[in-house]
Amino acid sequence: MSRAIDGAKRKNRRLKILKLAKGFSGRKGTNYKAAKDAVTRALCHAYVDRRDRKGDMRALWITRLNAAARAEGISYSRLISGLTKAGIAINRKALSNMAIEDSQSFKAVVEAAKKAL
């Protein structure tokens, strides 16, 4: 009787890669060799970009804060400096949400920052 080497394992390993490559264009979506390279590259980019997203979000919050602060007559850098001097510790995400959703609270925070300068 012949001996089975690794048929099922090998097939499953290849199917896992091809499943990840579903939707890739051309040979990269159907050919194992090409798909393996494409999937490896895609996973590397996904890993790096998950970390880059955090910086992108911070930049977005700062842009929003700058616009909201300038509407109140103060620049972003002076706002952050005033908050630090006033001892108010609110992160940029919370401040950005406050500026969008609760303008009265944001105005109060800006006034506190202005007084501390």
PDB file of N, CA and C in Angstrom:
ATOM      1  N   MET A   1       0.833  -1.181   0.000  1.00  0.00           N
ATOM      2  CA  MET A   1       0.000   0.000   0.000  1.00  0.00           C
ATOM      3  C   MET A   1       0.882   1.251   0.000  1.00  0.00           C
ATOM      4  N   SER A   2       0.498   2.233  -0.807  1.00  0.00           N
ATOM      5  CA  SER A   2       1.306   3.445  -0.887  1.00  0.00           C
ATOM      6  C   SER A   2       1.087   4.314   0.347  1.00  0.00           C
ATOM      7  N   ARG A   3       2.080   5.137   0.594  1.00  0.00           N
ATOM      8  CA  ARG A   3       2.059   5.954   1.799  1.00  0.00           C
ATOM      9  C   ARG A   3       1.651   7.391   1.468  1.00  0.00           C
ATOM     10  N   ALA A   4       0.763   7.971   2.247  1.00  0.00           N
ATOM     11  CA  ALA A   4       0.374   9.372   2.040  1.00  0.00           C
ATOM     12  C   ALA A   4       1.423  10.266   2.699  1.00  0.00           C
ATOM     13  N   ILE A   5       1.904  11.242   1.965  1.00  0.00           N
ATOM     14  CA  ILE A   5       2.954  12.110   2.494  1.00  0.00           C
ATOM     15  C   ILE A   5       2.333  13.295   3.253  1.00  0.00           C
ATOM     16  N   ASP A   6       1.841  14.278   2.543  1.00  0.00           N
ATOM     17  CA  ASP A   6       1.252  15.436   3.233  1.00  0.00           C
ATOM     18  C   ASP A   6       0.183  16.091   2.369  1.00  0.00           C
ATOM     19  N   GLY A   7      -0.636  15.283   1.722  1.00  0.00           N
ATOM     20  CA  GLY A   7      -1.620  15.804   0.775  1.00  0.00           C
ATOM     21  C   GLY A   7      -2.571  16.809   1.389  1.00  0.00           C
ATOM     22  N   ALA A   8      -3.217  16.455   2.458  1.00  0.00           N
ATOM     23  CA  ALA A   8      -4.220  17.342   3.043  1.00  0.00           C
ATOM     24  C   ALA A   8      -3.578  18.579   3.648  1.00  0.00           C
ATOM     25  N   LYS A   9      -2.473  18.396   4.323  1.00  0.00           N
ATOM     26  CA  LYS A   9      -1.786  19.543   4.936  1.00  0.00           C
ATOM     27  C   LYS A   9      -1.332  20.542   3.880  1.00  0.00           C
ATOM     28  N   ARG A  10      -0.758  20.004   2.824  1.00  0.00           N
ATOM     29  CA  ARG A  10      -0.244  20.871   1.765  1.00  0.00           C
ATOM     30  C   ARG A  10      -1.390  21.622   1.096  1.00  0.00           C
ATOM     31  N   LYS A  11      -2.476  20.898   0.829  1.00  0.00           N
ATOM     32  CA  LYS A  11      -3.636  21.514   0.192  1.00  0.00           C
ATOM     33  C   LYS A  11      -4.214  22.620   1.084  1.00  0.00           C
ATOM     34  N   ASN A  12      -4.341  22.337   2.362  1.00  0.00           N
ATOM     35  CA  ASN A  12      -4.899  23.330   3.286  1.00  0.00           C
ATOM     36  C   ASN A  12      -4.013  24.564   3.391  1.00  0.00           C
ATOM     37  N   ARG A  13      -2.693  24.343   3.395  1.00  0.00           N
ATOM     38  CA  ARG A  13      -1.758  25.459   3.463  1.00  0.00           C
ATOM     39  C   ARG A  13      -1.913  26.360   2.242  1.00  0.00           C
ATOM     40  N   ARG A  14      -2.037  25.745   1.079  1.00  0.00           N
ATOM     41  CA  ARG A  14      -2.186  26.509  -0.152  1.00  0.00           C
ATOM     42  C   ARG A  14      -3.547  27.203  -0.215  1.00  0.00           C
ATOM     43  N   LEU A  15      -4.576  26.510   0.220  1.00  0.00           N
ATOM     44  CA  LEU A  15      -5.914  27.111   0.193  1.00  0.00           C
ATOM     45  C   LEU A  15      -6.010  28.320   1.126  1.00  0.00           C
ATOM     46  N   LYS A  16      -5.291  28.245   2.240  1.00  0.00           N
ATOM     47  CA  LYS A  16      -5.293  29.367   3.181  1.00  0.00           C
ATOM     48  C   LYS A  16      -4.725  30.627   2.514  1.00  0.00           C
ATOM     49  N   ILE A  17      -3.626  30.457   1.783  1.00  0.00           N
ATOM     50  CA  ILE A  17      -3.009  31.588   1.082  1.00  0.00           C
ATOM     51  C   ILE A  17      -3.931  32.084  -0.029  1.00  0.00           C
ATOM     52  N   LEU A  18      -4.494  31.164  -0.805  1.00  0.00           N
ATOM     53  CA  LEU A  18      -5.365  31.563  -1.909  1.00  0.00           C
ATOM     54  C   LEU A  18      -6.640  32.238  -1.402  1.00  0.00           C
ATOM     55  N   LYS A  19      -7.109  31.821  -0.235  1.00  0.00           N
ATOM     56  CA  LYS A  19      -8.282  32.474   0.348  1.00  0.00           C
ATOM     57  C   LYS A  19      -7.949  33.917   0.723  1.00  0.00           C
ATOM     58  N   LEU A  20      -6.756  34.135   1.265  1.00  0.00           N
ATOM     59  CA  LEU A  20      -6.334  35.499   1.604  1.00  0.00           C
ATOM     60  C   LEU A  20      -6.136  36.354   0.356  1.00  0.00           C
ATOM     61  N   ALA A  21      -5.797  35.687  -0.769  1.00  0.00           N
ATOM     62  CA  ALA A  21      -5.531  36.406  -2.012  1.00  0.00           C
ATOM     63  C   ALA A  21      -6.790  36.615  -2.843  1.00  0.00           C
ATOM     64  N   LYS A  22      -7.943  36.212  -2.327  1.00  0.00           N
ATOM     65  CA  LYS A  22      -9.186  36.356  -3.076  1.00  0.00           C
ATOM     66  C   LYS A  22      -9.426  37.830  -3.382  1.00  0.00           C
ATOM     67  N   GLY A  23      -9.708  38.112  -4.643  1.00  0.00           N
ATOM     68  CA  GLY A  23      -9.949  39.484  -5.055  1.00  0.00           C
ATOM     69  C   GLY A  23      -8.719  40.164  -5.628  1.00  0.00           C
ATOM     70  N   PHE A  24      -7.544  39.563  -5.491  1.00  0.00           N
ATOM     71  CA  PHE A  24      -6.344  40.120  -6.092  1.00  0.00           C
ATOM     72  C   PHE A  24      -6.443  39.969  -7.607  1.00  0.00           C
ATOM     73  N   SER A  25      -5.878  40.896  -8.341  1.00  0.00           N
ATOM     74  CA  SER A  25      -6.041  40.879  -9.786  1.00  0.00           C
ATOM     75  C   SER A  25      -5.060  39.918 -10.456  1.00  0.00           C
ATOM     76  N   GLY A  26      -5.505  39.329 -11.546  1.00  0.00           N
ATOM     77  CA  GLY A  26      -4.641  38.491 -12.382  1.00  0.00           C
ATOM     78  C   GLY A  26      -4.189  37.226 -11.684  1.00  0.00           C
ATOM     79  N   ARG A  27      -2.935  36.876 -11.967  1.00  0.00           N
ATOM     80  CA  ARG A  27      -2.355  35.648 -11.457  1.00  0.00           C
ATOM     81  C   ARG A  27      -2.228  35.659  -9.943  1.00  0.00           C
ATOM     82  N   LYS A  28      -2.141  36.850  -9.365  1.00  0.00           N
ATOM     83  CA  LYS A  28      -1.938  36.958  -7.914  1.00  0.00           C
ATOM     84  C   LYS A  28      -3.110  36.405  -7.121  1.00  0.00           C
ATOM     85  N   GLY A  29      -4.281  36.316  -7.753  1.00  0.00           N
ATOM     86  CA  GLY A  29      -5.447  35.800  -7.065  1.00  0.00           C
ATOM     87  C   GLY A  29      -5.674  34.315  -7.253  1.00  0.00           C
ATOM     88  N   THR A  30      -4.997  33.707  -8.244  1.00  0.00           N
ATOM     89  CA  THR A  30      -5.269  32.309  -8.552  1.00  0.00           C
ATOM     90  C   THR A  30      -4.041  31.408  -8.475  1.00  0.00           C
ATOM     91  N   ASN A  31      -2.877  31.942  -8.732  1.00  0.00           N
ATOM     92  CA  ASN A  31      -1.652  31.149  -8.772  1.00  0.00           C
ATOM     93  C   ASN A  31      -0.982  31.176  -7.402  1.00  0.00           C
ATOM     94  N   TYR A  32      -0.691  30.016  -6.833  1.00  0.00           N
ATOM     95  CA  TYR A  32      -0.181  29.958  -5.460  1.00  0.00           C
ATOM     96  C   TYR A  32       1.119  30.732  -5.287  1.00  0.00           C
ATOM     97  N   LYS A  33       2.063  30.513  -6.208  1.00  0.00           N
ATOM     98  CA  LYS A  33       3.368  31.160  -6.070  1.00  0.00           C
ATOM     99  C   LYS A  33       3.245  32.683  -6.057  1.00  0.00           C
ATOM    100  N   ALA A  34       2.484  33.202  -6.998  1.00  0.00           N
ATOM    101  CA  ALA A  34       2.296  34.652  -7.072  1.00  0.00           C
ATOM    102  C   ALA A  34       1.468  35.154  -5.894  1.00  0.00           C
ATOM    103  N   ALA A  35       0.473  34.358  -5.499  1.00  0.00           N
ATOM    104  CA  ALA A  35      -0.397  34.764  -4.399  1.00  0.00           C
ATOM    105  C   ALA A  35       0.372  34.827  -3.090  1.00  0.00           C
ATOM    106  N   LYS A  36       1.303  33.903  -2.895  1.00  0.00           N
ATOM    107  CA  LYS A  36       2.083  33.864  -1.659  1.00  0.00           C
ATOM    108  C   LYS A  36       2.862  35.164  -1.483  1.00  0.00           C
ATOM    109  N   ASP A  37       3.505  35.632  -2.555  1.00  0.00           N
ATOM    110  CA  ASP A  37       4.260  36.888  -2.490  1.00  0.00           C
ATOM    111  C   ASP A  37       3.323  38.080  -2.252  1.00  0.00           C
ATOM    112  N   ALA A  38       2.201  38.081  -2.970  1.00  0.00           N
ATOM    113  CA  ALA A  38       1.272  39.207  -2.860  1.00  0.00           C
ATOM    114  C   ALA A  38       0.655  39.282  -1.466  1.00  0.00           C
ATOM    115  N   VAL A  39       0.306  38.118  -0.901  1.00  0.00           N
ATOM    116  CA  VAL A  39      -0.303  38.094   0.429  1.00  0.00           C
ATOM    117  C   VAL A  39       0.705  38.524   1.488  1.00  0.00           C
ATOM    118  N   THR A  40       1.943  38.048   1.355  1.00  0.00           N
ATOM    119  CA  THR A  40       2.991  38.446   2.307  1.00  0.00           C
ATOM    120  C   THR A  40       3.181  39.951   2.302  1.00  0.00           C
ATOM    121  N   ARG A  41       3.234  40.516   1.108  1.00  0.00           N
ATOM    122  CA  ARG A  41       3.406  41.960   0.969  1.00  0.00           C
ATOM    123  C   ARG A  41       2.201  42.703   1.548  1.00  0.00           C
ATOM    124  N   ALA A  42       0.997  42.213   1.256  1.00  0.00           N
ATOM    125  CA  ALA A  42      -0.220  42.867   1.738  1.00  0.00           C
ATOM    126  C   ALA A  42      -0.297  42.842   3.258  1.00  0.00           C
ATOM    127  N   LEU A  43       0.070  41.709   3.860  1.00  0.00           N
ATOM    128  CA  LEU A  43       0.031  41.604   5.317  1.00  0.00           C
ATOM    129  C   LEU A  43       1.057  42.527   5.971  1.00  0.00           C
ATOM    130  N   CYS A  44       2.224  42.680   5.338  1.00  0.00           N
ATOM    131  CA  CYS A  44       3.234  43.609   5.872  1.00  0.00           C
ATOM    132  C   CYS A  44       2.708  45.041   5.840  1.00  0.00           C
ATOM    133  N   HIS A  45       2.096  45.423   4.716  1.00  0.00           N
ATOM    134  CA  HIS A  45       1.548  46.774   4.607  1.00  0.00           C
ATOM    135  C   HIS A  45       0.414  46.981   5.609  1.00  0.00           C
ATOM    136  N   ALA A  46      -0.409  45.960   5.803  1.00  0.00           N
ATOM    137  CA  ALA A  46      -1.516  46.088   6.749  1.00  0.00           C
ATOM    138  C   ALA A  46      -0.985  46.317   8.161  1.00  0.00           C
ATOM    139  N   TYR A  47       0.073  45.607   8.523  1.00  0.00           N
ATOM    140  CA  TYR A  47       0.663  45.747   9.858  1.00  0.00           C
ATOM    141  C   TYR A  47       1.189  47.171  10.065  1.00  0.00           C
ATOM    142  N   VAL A  48       1.938  47.666   9.095  1.00  0.00           N
ATOM    143  CA  VAL A  48       2.518  49.004   9.211  1.00  0.00           C
ATOM    144  C   VAL A  48       1.425  50.066   9.217  1.00  0.00           C
ATOM    145  N   ASP A  49       0.435  49.894   8.331  1.00  0.00           N
ATOM    146  CA  ASP A  49      -0.598  50.918   8.207  1.00  0.00           C
ATOM    147  C   ASP A  49      -1.517  50.983   9.419  1.00  0.00           C
ATOM    148  N   ARG A  50      -1.655  49.871  10.149  1.00  0.00           N
ATOM    149  CA  ARG A  50      -2.439  49.940  11.389  1.00  0.00           C
ATOM    150  C   ARG A  50      -1.764  50.869  12.385  1.00  0.00           C
ATOM    151  N   ARG A  51      -0.453  50.916  12.369  1.00  0.00           N
ATOM    152  CA  ARG A  51       0.265  51.818  13.268  1.00  0.00           C
ATOM    153  C   ARG A  51       0.267  53.249  12.731  1.00  0.00           C
ATOM    154  N   ASP A  52       0.338  53.383  11.406  1.00  0.00           N
ATOM    155  CA  ASP A  52       0.303  54.720  10.806  1.00  0.00           C
ATOM    156  C   ASP A  52      -1.043  55.398  11.034  1.00  0.00           C
ATOM    157  N   ARG A  53      -2.102  54.606  11.107  1.00  0.00           N
ATOM    158  CA  ARG A  53      -3.441  55.164  11.291  1.00  0.00           C
ATOM    159  C   ARG A  53      -3.522  55.985  12.570  1.00  0.00           C
ATOM    160  N   LYS A  54      -2.784  55.577  13.599  1.00  0.00           N
ATOM    161  CA  LYS A  54      -2.821  56.295  14.867  1.00  0.00           C
ATOM    162  C   LYS A  54      -2.282  57.716  14.705  1.00  0.00           C
ATOM    163  N   GLY A  55      -1.204  57.865  13.938  1.00  0.00           N
ATOM    164  CA  GLY A  55      -0.673  59.190  13.667  1.00  0.00           C
ATOM    165  C   GLY A  55      -1.601  60.014  12.794  1.00  0.00           C
ATOM    166  N   ASP A  56      -2.243  59.347  11.822  1.00  0.00           N
ATOM    167  CA  ASP A  56      -3.193  60.039  10.951  1.00  0.00           C
ATOM    168  C   ASP A  56      -4.375  60.583  11.749  1.00  0.00           C
ATOM    169  N   MET A  57      -4.857  59.781  12.694  1.00  0.00           N
ATOM    170  CA  MET A  57      -5.990  60.230  13.502  1.00  0.00           C
ATOM    171  C   MET A  57      -5.589  61.409  14.385  1.00  0.00           C
ATOM    172  N   ARG A  58      -4.391  61.359  14.943  1.00  0.00           N
ATOM    173  CA  ARG A  58      -3.929  62.478  15.776  1.00  0.00           C
ATOM    174  C   ARG A  58      -3.838  63.755  14.947  1.00  0.00           C
ATOM    175  N   ALA A  59      -3.337  63.647  13.717  1.00  0.00           N
ATOM    176  CA  ALA A  59      -3.257  64.814  12.837  1.00  0.00           C
ATOM    177  C   ALA A  59      -4.647  65.368  12.532  1.00  0.00           C
ATOM    178  N   LEU A  60      -5.618  64.479  12.356  1.00  0.00           N
ATOM    179  CA  LEU A  60      -6.991  64.907  12.107  1.00  0.00           C
ATOM    180  C   LEU A  60      -7.555  65.659  13.313  1.00  0.00           C
ATOM    181  N   TRP A  61      -7.311  65.118  14.517  1.00  0.00           N
ATOM    182  CA  TRP A  61      -7.806  65.786  15.722  1.00  0.00           C
ATOM    183  C   TRP A  61      -7.186  67.170  15.871  1.00  0.00           C
ATOM    184  N   ILE A  62      -5.885  67.268  15.583  1.00  0.00           N
ATOM    185  CA  ILE A  62      -5.198  68.556  15.719  1.00  0.00           C
ATOM    186  C   ILE A  62      -5.751  69.556  14.713  1.00  0.00           C
ATOM    187  N   THR A  63      -6.016  69.112  13.477  1.00  0.00           N
ATOM    188  CA  THR A  63      -6.584  69.993  12.455  1.00  0.00           C
ATOM    189  C   THR A  63      -7.951  70.511  12.893  1.00  0.00           C
ATOM    190  N   ARG A  64      -8.775  69.613  13.421  1.00  0.00           N
ATOM    191  CA  ARG A  64     -10.103  70.013  13.892  1.00  0.00           C
ATOM    192  C   ARG A  64     -10.009  70.993  15.062  1.00  0.00           C
ATOM    193  N   LEU A  65      -9.078  70.699  15.974  1.00  0.00           N
ATOM    194  CA  LEU A  65      -8.909  71.583  17.137  1.00  0.00           C
ATOM    195  C   LEU A  65      -8.434  72.968  16.713  1.00  0.00           C
ATOM    196  N   ASN A  66      -7.525  73.013  15.747  1.00  0.00           N
ATOM    197  CA  ASN A  66      -7.015  74.296  15.268  1.00  0.00           C
ATOM    198  C   ASN A  66      -8.146  75.122  14.678  1.00  0.00           C
ATOM    199  N   ALA A  67      -8.993  74.479  13.866  1.00  0.00           N
ATOM    200  CA  ALA A  67     -10.114  75.200  13.253  1.00  0.00           C
ATOM    201  C   ALA A  67     -11.084  75.699  14.324  1.00  0.00           C
ATOM    202  N   ALA A  68     -11.408  74.846  15.287  1.00  0.00           N
ATOM    203  CA  ALA A  68     -12.349  75.236  16.340  1.00  0.00           C
ATOM    204  C   ALA A  68     -11.755  76.314  17.237  1.00  0.00           C
ATOM    205  N   ALA A  69     -10.466  76.196  17.530  1.00  0.00           N
ATOM    206  CA  ALA A  69      -9.819  77.185  18.401  1.00  0.00           C
ATOM    207  C   ALA A  69      -9.741  78.543  17.714  1.00  0.00           C
ATOM    208  N   ARG A  70      -9.432  78.547  16.433  1.00  0.00           N
ATOM    209  CA  ARG A  70      -9.356  79.817  15.706  1.00  0.00           C
ATOM    210  C   ARG A  70     -10.727  80.486  15.616  1.00  0.00           C
ATOM    211  N   ALA A  71     -11.782  79.703  15.587  1.00  0.00           N
ATOM    212  CA  ALA A  71     -13.139  80.283  15.621  1.00  0.00           C
ATOM    213  C   ALA A  71     -13.388  80.978  16.951  1.00  0.00           C
ATOM    214  N   GLU A  72     -12.677  80.553  17.985  1.00  0.00           N
ATOM    215  CA  GLU A  72     -12.790  81.178  19.313  1.00  0.00           C
ATOM    216  C   GLU A  72     -11.729  82.262  19.531  1.00  0.00           C
ATOM    217  N   GLY A  73     -10.900  82.500  18.524  1.00  0.00           N
ATOM    218  CA  GLY A  73      -9.926  83.587  18.599  1.00  0.00           C
ATOM    219  C   GLY A  73      -8.595  83.214  19.230  1.00  0.00           C
ATOM    220  N   ILE A  74      -8.204  81.972  19.140  1.00  0.00           N
ATOM    221  CA  ILE A  74      -6.929  81.521  19.700  1.00  0.00           C
ATOM    222  C   ILE A  74      -6.376  80.439  18.779  1.00  0.00           C
ATOM    223  N   SER A  75      -5.056  80.357  18.679  1.00  0.00           N
ATOM    224  CA  SER A  75      -4.473  79.326  17.817  1.00  0.00           C
ATOM    225  C   SER A  75      -4.361  78.006  18.577  1.00  0.00           C
ATOM    226  N   TYR A  76      -4.135  76.941  17.837  1.00  0.00           N
ATOM    227  CA  TYR A  76      -4.031  75.606  18.446  1.00  0.00           C
ATOM    228  C   TYR A  76      -2.885  75.552  19.455  1.00  0.00           C
ATOM    229  N   SER A  77      -1.728  76.076  19.057  1.00  0.00           N
ATOM    230  CA  SER A  77      -0.560  75.974  19.938  1.00  0.00           C
ATOM    231  C   SER A  77      -0.772  76.763  21.234  1.00  0.00           C
ATOM    232  N   ARG A  78      -1.417  77.924  21.138  1.00  0.00           N
ATOM    233  CA  ARG A  78      -1.706  78.717  22.345  1.00  0.00           C
ATOM    234  C   ARG A  78      -2.763  78.016  23.202  1.00  0.00           C
ATOM    235  N   LEU A  79      -3.709  77.345  22.553  1.00  0.00           N
ATOM    236  CA  LEU A  79      -4.727  76.593  23.287  1.00  0.00           C
ATOM    237  C   LEU A  79      -4.081  75.485  24.111  1.00  0.00           C
ATOM    238  N   ILE A  80      -3.219  74.695  23.486  1.00  0.00           N
ATOM    239  CA  ILE A  80      -2.563  73.584  24.187  1.00  0.00           C
ATOM    240  C   ILE A  80      -1.649  74.113  25.289  1.00  0.00           C
ATOM    241  N   SER A  81      -0.950  75.200  25.005  1.00  0.00           N
ATOM    242  CA  SER A  81      -0.081  75.804  26.010  1.00  0.00           C
ATOM    243  C   SER A  81      -0.903  76.294  27.203  1.00  0.00           C
ATOM    244  N   GLY A  82      -2.018  76.932  26.919  1.00  0.00           N
ATOM    245  CA  GLY A  82      -2.882  77.422  27.991  1.00  0.00           C
ATOM    246  C   GLY A  82      -3.479  76.292  28.814  1.00  0.00           C
ATOM    247  N   LEU A  83      -3.854  75.209  28.152  1.00  0.00           N
ATOM    248  CA  LEU A  83      -4.405  74.060  28.876  1.00  0.00           C
ATOM    249  C   LEU A  83      -3.348  73.445  29.789  1.00  0.00           C
ATOM    250  N   THR A  84      -2.135  73.371  29.311  1.00  0.00           N
ATOM    251  CA  THR A  84      -1.048  72.821  30.125  1.00  0.00           C
ATOM    252  C   THR A  84      -0.809  73.695  31.354  1.00  0.00           C
ATOM    253  N   LYS A  85      -0.756  75.018  31.142  1.00  0.00           N
ATOM    254  CA  LYS A  85      -0.528  75.933  32.257  1.00  0.00           C
ATOM    255  C   LYS A  85      -1.691  75.941  33.250  1.00  0.00           C
ATOM    256  N   ALA A  86      -2.901  75.726  32.732  1.00  0.00           N
ATOM    257  CA  ALA A  86      -4.077  75.695  33.604  1.00  0.00           C
ATOM    258  C   ALA A  86      -4.211  74.364  34.337  1.00  0.00           C
ATOM    259  N   GLY A  87      -3.413  73.390  33.945  1.00  0.00           N
ATOM    260  CA  GLY A  87      -3.467  72.079  34.584  1.00  0.00           C
ATOM    261  C   GLY A  87      -4.647  71.232  34.126  1.00  0.00           C
ATOM    262  N   ILE A  88      -5.158  71.536  32.940  1.00  0.00           N
ATOM    263  CA  ILE A  88      -6.276  70.773  32.382  1.00  0.00           C
ATOM    264  C   ILE A  88      -5.693  69.681  31.495  1.00  0.00           C
ATOM    265  N   ALA A  89      -5.947  68.437  31.860  1.00  0.00           N
ATOM    266  CA  ALA A  89      -5.400  67.307  31.098  1.00  0.00           C
ATOM    267  C   ALA A  89      -6.520  66.613  30.337  1.00  0.00           C
ATOM    268  N   ILE A  90      -6.770  67.095  29.110  1.00  0.00           N
ATOM    269  CA  ILE A  90      -7.749  66.450  28.225  1.00  0.00           C
ATOM    270  C   ILE A  90      -7.000  66.075  26.954  1.00  0.00           C
ATOM    271  N   ASN A  91      -7.174  64.834  26.517  1.00  0.00           N
ATOM    272  CA  ASN A  91      -6.447  64.443  25.314  1.00  0.00           C
ATOM    273  C   ASN A  91      -7.079  65.054  24.067  1.00  0.00           C
ATOM    274  N   ARG A  92      -6.337  65.003  22.962  1.00  0.00           N
ATOM    275  CA  ARG A  92      -6.762  65.680  21.745  1.00  0.00           C
ATOM    276  C   ARG A  92      -8.022  65.059  21.147  1.00  0.00           C
ATOM    277  N   LYS A  93      -8.170  63.750  21.310  1.00  0.00           N
ATOM    278  CA  LYS A  93      -9.362  63.077  20.784  1.00  0.00           C
ATOM    279  C   LYS A  93     -10.605  63.588  21.498  1.00  0.00           C
ATOM    280  N   ALA A  94     -10.549  63.658  22.816  1.00  0.00           N
ATOM    281  CA  ALA A  94     -11.696  64.124  23.591  1.00  0.00           C
ATOM    282  C   ALA A  94     -11.986  65.602  23.295  1.00  0.00           C
ATOM    283  N   LEU A  95     -10.929  66.404  23.177  1.00  0.00           N
ATOM    284  CA  LEU A  95     -11.117  67.820  22.869  1.00  0.00           C
ATOM    285  C   LEU A  95     -11.766  68.001  21.500  1.00  0.00           C
ATOM    286  N   SER A  96     -11.316  67.201  20.526  1.00  0.00           N
ATOM    287  CA  SER A  96     -11.862  67.284  19.182  1.00  0.00           C
ATOM    288  C   SER A  96     -13.341  66.925  19.169  1.00  0.00           C
ATOM    289  N   ASN A  97     -13.690  65.839  19.876  1.00  0.00           N
ATOM    290  CA  ASN A  97     -15.098  65.452  19.968  1.00  0.00           C
ATOM    291  C   ASN A  97     -15.912  66.524  20.676  1.00  0.00           C
ATOM    292  N   MET A  98     -15.322  67.139  21.704  1.00  0.00           N
ATOM    293  CA  MET A  98     -16.005  68.197  22.436  1.00  0.00           C
ATOM    294  C   MET A  98     -16.276  69.392  21.516  1.00  0.00           C
ATOM    295  N   ALA A  99     -15.296  69.733  20.690  1.00  0.00           N
ATOM    296  CA  ALA A  99     -15.451  70.870  19.782  1.00  0.00           C
ATOM    297  C   ALA A  99     -16.568  70.617  18.775  1.00  0.00           C
ATOM    298  N   ILE A 100     -16.728  69.357  18.356  1.00  0.00           N
ATOM    299  CA  ILE A 100     -17.753  69.025  17.363  1.00  0.00           C
ATOM    300  C   ILE A 100     -19.130  68.888  18.011  1.00  0.00           C
ATOM    301  N   GLU A 101     -19.204  68.154  19.119  1.00  0.00           N
ATOM    302  CA  GLU A 101     -20.499  67.762  19.680  1.00  0.00           C
ATOM    303  C   GLU A 101     -21.017  68.693  20.772  1.00  0.00           C
ATOM    304  N   ASP A 102     -20.107  69.314  21.527  1.00  0.00           N
ATOM    305  CA  ASP A 102     -20.534  70.130  22.665  1.00  0.00           C
ATOM    306  C   ASP A 102     -19.764  71.445  22.660  1.00  0.00           C
ATOM    307  N   SER A 103     -20.222  72.374  21.841  1.00  0.00           N
ATOM    308  CA  SER A 103     -19.471  73.617  21.651  1.00  0.00           C
ATOM    309  C   SER A 103     -19.426  74.478  22.919  1.00  0.00           C
ATOM    310  N   GLN A 104     -20.446  74.406  23.764  1.00  0.00           N
ATOM    311  CA  GLN A 104     -20.459  75.208  24.995  1.00  0.00           C
ATOM    312  C   GLN A 104     -19.325  74.781  25.929  1.00  0.00           C
ATOM    313  N   SER A 105     -19.148  73.484  26.092  1.00  0.00           N
ATOM    314  CA  SER A 105     -18.060  72.985  26.942  1.00  0.00           C
ATOM    315  C   SER A 105     -16.705  73.366  26.357  1.00  0.00           C
ATOM    316  N   PHE A 106     -16.600  73.280  25.029  1.00  0.00           N
ATOM    317  CA  PHE A 106     -15.337  73.631  24.381  1.00  0.00           C
ATOM    318  C   PHE A 106     -15.018  75.112  24.609  1.00  0.00           C
ATOM    319  N   LYS A 107     -16.040  75.962  24.527  1.00  0.00           N
ATOM    320  CA  LYS A 107     -15.828  77.391  24.775  1.00  0.00           C
ATOM    321  C   LYS A 107     -15.329  77.628  26.196  1.00  0.00           C
ATOM    322  N   ALA A 108     -15.881  76.880  27.149  1.00  0.00           N
ATOM    323  CA  ALA A 108     -15.454  77.017  28.544  1.00  0.00           C
ATOM    324  C   ALA A 108     -13.986  76.582  28.710  1.00  0.00           C
ATOM    325  N   VAL A 109     -13.609  75.518  28.021  1.00  0.00           N
ATOM    326  CA  VAL A 109     -12.224  75.045  28.091  1.00  0.00           C
ATOM    327  C   VAL A 109     -11.295  76.090  27.462  1.00  0.00           C
ATOM    328  N   VAL A 110     -11.714  76.672  26.318  1.00  0.00           N
ATOM    329  CA  VAL A 110     -10.898  77.700  25.655  1.00  0.00           C
ATOM    330  C   VAL A 110     -10.738  78.907  26.568  1.00  0.00           C
ATOM    331  N   GLU A 111     -11.803  79.320  27.247  1.00  0.00           N
ATOM    332  CA  GLU A 111     -11.713  80.450  28.165  1.00  0.00           C
ATOM    333  C   GLU A 111     -10.748  80.169  29.310  1.00  0.00           C
ATOM    334  N   ALA A 112     -10.780  78.950  29.830  1.00  0.00           N
ATOM    335  CA  ALA A 112      -9.841  78.581  30.892  1.00  0.00           C
ATOM    336  C   ALA A 112      -8.409  78.629  30.384  1.00  0.00           C
ATOM    337  N   ALA A 113      -8.202  78.195  29.140  1.00  0.00           N
ATOM    338  CA  ALA A 113      -6.850  78.230  28.558  1.00  0.00           C
ATOM    339  C   ALA A 113      -6.389  79.672  28.342  1.00  0.00           C
ATOM    340  N   LYS A 114      -7.311  80.526  27.907  1.00  0.00           N
ATOM    341  CA  LYS A 114      -6.963  81.940  27.696  1.00  0.00           C
ATOM    342  C   LYS A 114      -6.567  82.623  29.003  1.00  0.00           C
ATOM    343  N   LYS A 115      -7.302  82.317  30.087  1.00  0.00           N
ATOM    344  CA  LYS A 115      -6.993  82.919  31.397  1.00  0.00           C
ATOM    345  C   LYS A 115      -5.639  82.474  31.906  1.00  0.00           C
ATOM    346  N   ALA A 116      -5.254  81.238  31.598  1.00  0.00           N
ATOM    347  CA  ALA A 116      -3.977  80.704  32.098  1.00  0.00           C
ATOM    348  C   ALA A 116      -2.787  81.292  31.348  1.00  0.00           C
ATOM    349  N   LEU A 117      -3.002  81.845  30.150  1.00  0.00           N
ATOM    350  CA  LEU A 117      -1.874  82.391  29.381  1.00  0.00           C
ATOM    351  C   LEU A 117      -1.379  83.670  29.928  1.00  0.00           C
TER     352      LEU A 117
END
